[in-house]
């Protein structure tokens, strides 16, 4: 994992996904985050 580690968690604290810093546009980064299996459920 690349520093800094970014965790996406739900309201119960379950980790939905993890990533690190990526040099890309905000739109591409949001697309990356939404690829996590449990994102938005």
N, C-alpha and C. Protein backbone atom coordinates (compact mmCIF):
# COMPACT_ATOMS: atom_id res chain seq x y z
N UNK A 1 0.84 -1.17 0.00
CA UNK A 1 0.00 0.00 0.00
C UNK A 1 0.89 1.24 0.00
N UNK A 2 0.46 2.22 -0.72
CA UNK A 2 1.21 3.46 -0.86
C UNK A 2 0.74 4.45 0.20
N UNK A 3 1.69 5.17 0.81
CA UNK A 3 1.34 6.20 1.78
C UNK A 3 0.92 7.45 1.04
N UNK A 4 -0.11 8.15 1.40
CA UNK A 4 -1.01 7.84 2.50
C UNK A 4 -2.04 6.80 2.08
N UNK A 5 -2.47 5.99 3.04
CA UNK A 5 -3.51 4.99 2.79
C UNK A 5 -4.85 5.67 2.96
N UNK A 6 -5.74 5.43 2.03
CA UNK A 6 -7.08 6.00 2.08
C UNK A 6 -8.06 4.85 2.19
N UNK A 7 -8.83 4.84 3.27
CA UNK A 7 -9.84 3.80 3.48
C UNK A 7 -11.21 4.39 3.25
N UNK A 8 -12.05 3.66 2.54
CA UNK A 8 -13.45 4.03 2.39
C UNK A 8 -14.21 3.09 3.31
N UNK A 9 -14.94 3.67 4.28
CA UNK A 9 -15.67 2.86 5.26
C UNK A 9 -17.15 3.23 5.24
N UNK A 10 -17.97 2.27 5.68
CA UNK A 10 -19.40 2.55 5.79
C UNK A 10 -19.69 3.08 7.19
N UNK A 11 -20.96 3.38 7.46
CA UNK A 11 -21.31 4.00 8.74
C UNK A 11 -21.10 3.07 9.93
N UNK A 12 -20.97 1.77 9.69
CA UNK A 12 -20.67 0.82 10.77
C UNK A 12 -19.17 0.63 10.97
N UNK A 13 -18.36 1.23 10.11
CA UNK A 13 -16.91 1.12 10.23
C UNK A 13 -16.31 0.00 9.40
N UNK A 14 -17.12 -0.70 8.61
CA UNK A 14 -16.62 -1.76 7.74
C UNK A 14 -15.84 -1.15 6.58
N UNK A 15 -14.66 -1.67 6.34
CA UNK A 15 -13.84 -1.16 5.24
C UNK A 15 -14.40 -1.66 3.92
N UNK A 16 -14.78 -0.72 3.05
CA UNK A 16 -15.32 -1.07 1.74
C UNK A 16 -14.21 -1.18 0.70
N UNK A 17 -13.13 -0.45 0.93
CA UNK A 17 -12.01 -0.48 0.00
C UNK A 17 -10.86 0.34 0.53
N UNK A 18 -9.69 0.12 -0.04
CA UNK A 18 -8.49 0.85 0.36
C UNK A 18 -7.68 1.17 -0.88
N UNK A 19 -7.07 2.32 -0.85
CA UNK A 19 -6.21 2.75 -1.94
C UNK A 19 -5.17 3.69 -1.36
N UNK A 20 -4.38 4.24 -2.20
CA UNK A 20 -3.39 5.22 -1.79
C UNK A 20 -3.44 6.41 -2.72
N UNK A 21 -2.48 7.29 -2.57
CA UNK A 21 -2.41 8.46 -3.44
C UNK A 21 -2.23 8.00 -4.88
N UNK A 22 -2.97 8.61 -5.77
CA UNK A 22 -2.83 8.34 -7.20
C UNK A 22 -2.79 9.69 -7.91
N UNK A 23 -1.84 9.86 -8.78
CA UNK A 23 -1.75 11.11 -9.54
C UNK A 23 -2.67 10.99 -10.74
N UNK A 24 -3.90 11.50 -10.58
CA UNK A 24 -4.91 11.45 -11.64
C UNK A 24 -5.94 12.53 -11.36
N UNK A 25 -6.80 12.74 -12.33
CA UNK A 25 -7.83 13.76 -12.17
C UNK A 25 -8.85 13.32 -11.12
N UNK A 26 -9.59 14.28 -10.61
CA UNK A 26 -10.62 13.97 -9.61
C UNK A 26 -11.66 13.01 -10.18
N UNK A 27 -12.05 13.22 -11.43
CA UNK A 27 -13.04 12.33 -12.05
C UNK A 27 -12.54 10.89 -12.12
N UNK A 28 -11.30 10.71 -12.51
CA UNK A 28 -10.74 9.35 -12.59
C UNK A 28 -10.63 8.73 -11.20
N UNK A 29 -10.26 9.55 -10.20
CA UNK A 29 -10.13 9.02 -8.84
C UNK A 29 -11.49 8.60 -8.29
N UNK A 30 -12.53 9.39 -8.55
CA UNK A 30 -13.88 9.02 -8.13
C UNK A 30 -14.30 7.73 -8.82
N UNK A 31 -14.00 7.58 -10.09
CA UNK A 31 -14.30 6.33 -10.79
C UNK A 31 -13.59 5.15 -10.14
N UNK A 32 -12.35 5.34 -9.72
CA UNK A 32 -11.60 4.29 -9.01
C UNK A 32 -12.32 3.92 -7.72
N UNK A 33 -12.71 4.92 -6.94
CA UNK A 33 -13.36 4.64 -5.66
C UNK A 33 -14.67 3.89 -5.84
N UNK A 34 -15.39 4.18 -6.88
CA UNK A 34 -16.68 3.52 -7.09
C UNK A 34 -16.54 2.09 -7.61
N UNK A 35 -15.33 1.64 -7.90
CA UNK A 35 -15.12 0.25 -8.31
C UNK A 35 -15.04 -0.70 -7.13
N UNK A 36 -14.94 -0.17 -5.91
CA UNK A 36 -14.91 -1.05 -4.75
C UNK A 36 -16.21 -1.84 -4.70
N UNK A 37 -16.13 -3.14 -4.43
CA UNK A 37 -17.28 -4.04 -4.49
C UNK A 37 -18.49 -3.54 -3.70
N UNK A 38 -18.28 -3.04 -2.50
CA UNK A 38 -19.40 -2.69 -1.63
C UNK A 38 -19.71 -1.20 -1.65
N UNK A 39 -19.10 -0.43 -2.53
CA UNK A 39 -19.30 1.01 -2.52
C UNK A 39 -20.75 1.34 -2.86
N UNK A 40 -21.37 2.17 -2.02
CA UNK A 40 -22.72 2.63 -2.29
C UNK A 40 -23.83 1.69 -1.86
N UNK A 41 -23.49 0.61 -1.21
CA UNK A 41 -24.53 -0.35 -0.77
C UNK A 41 -24.99 0.00 0.61
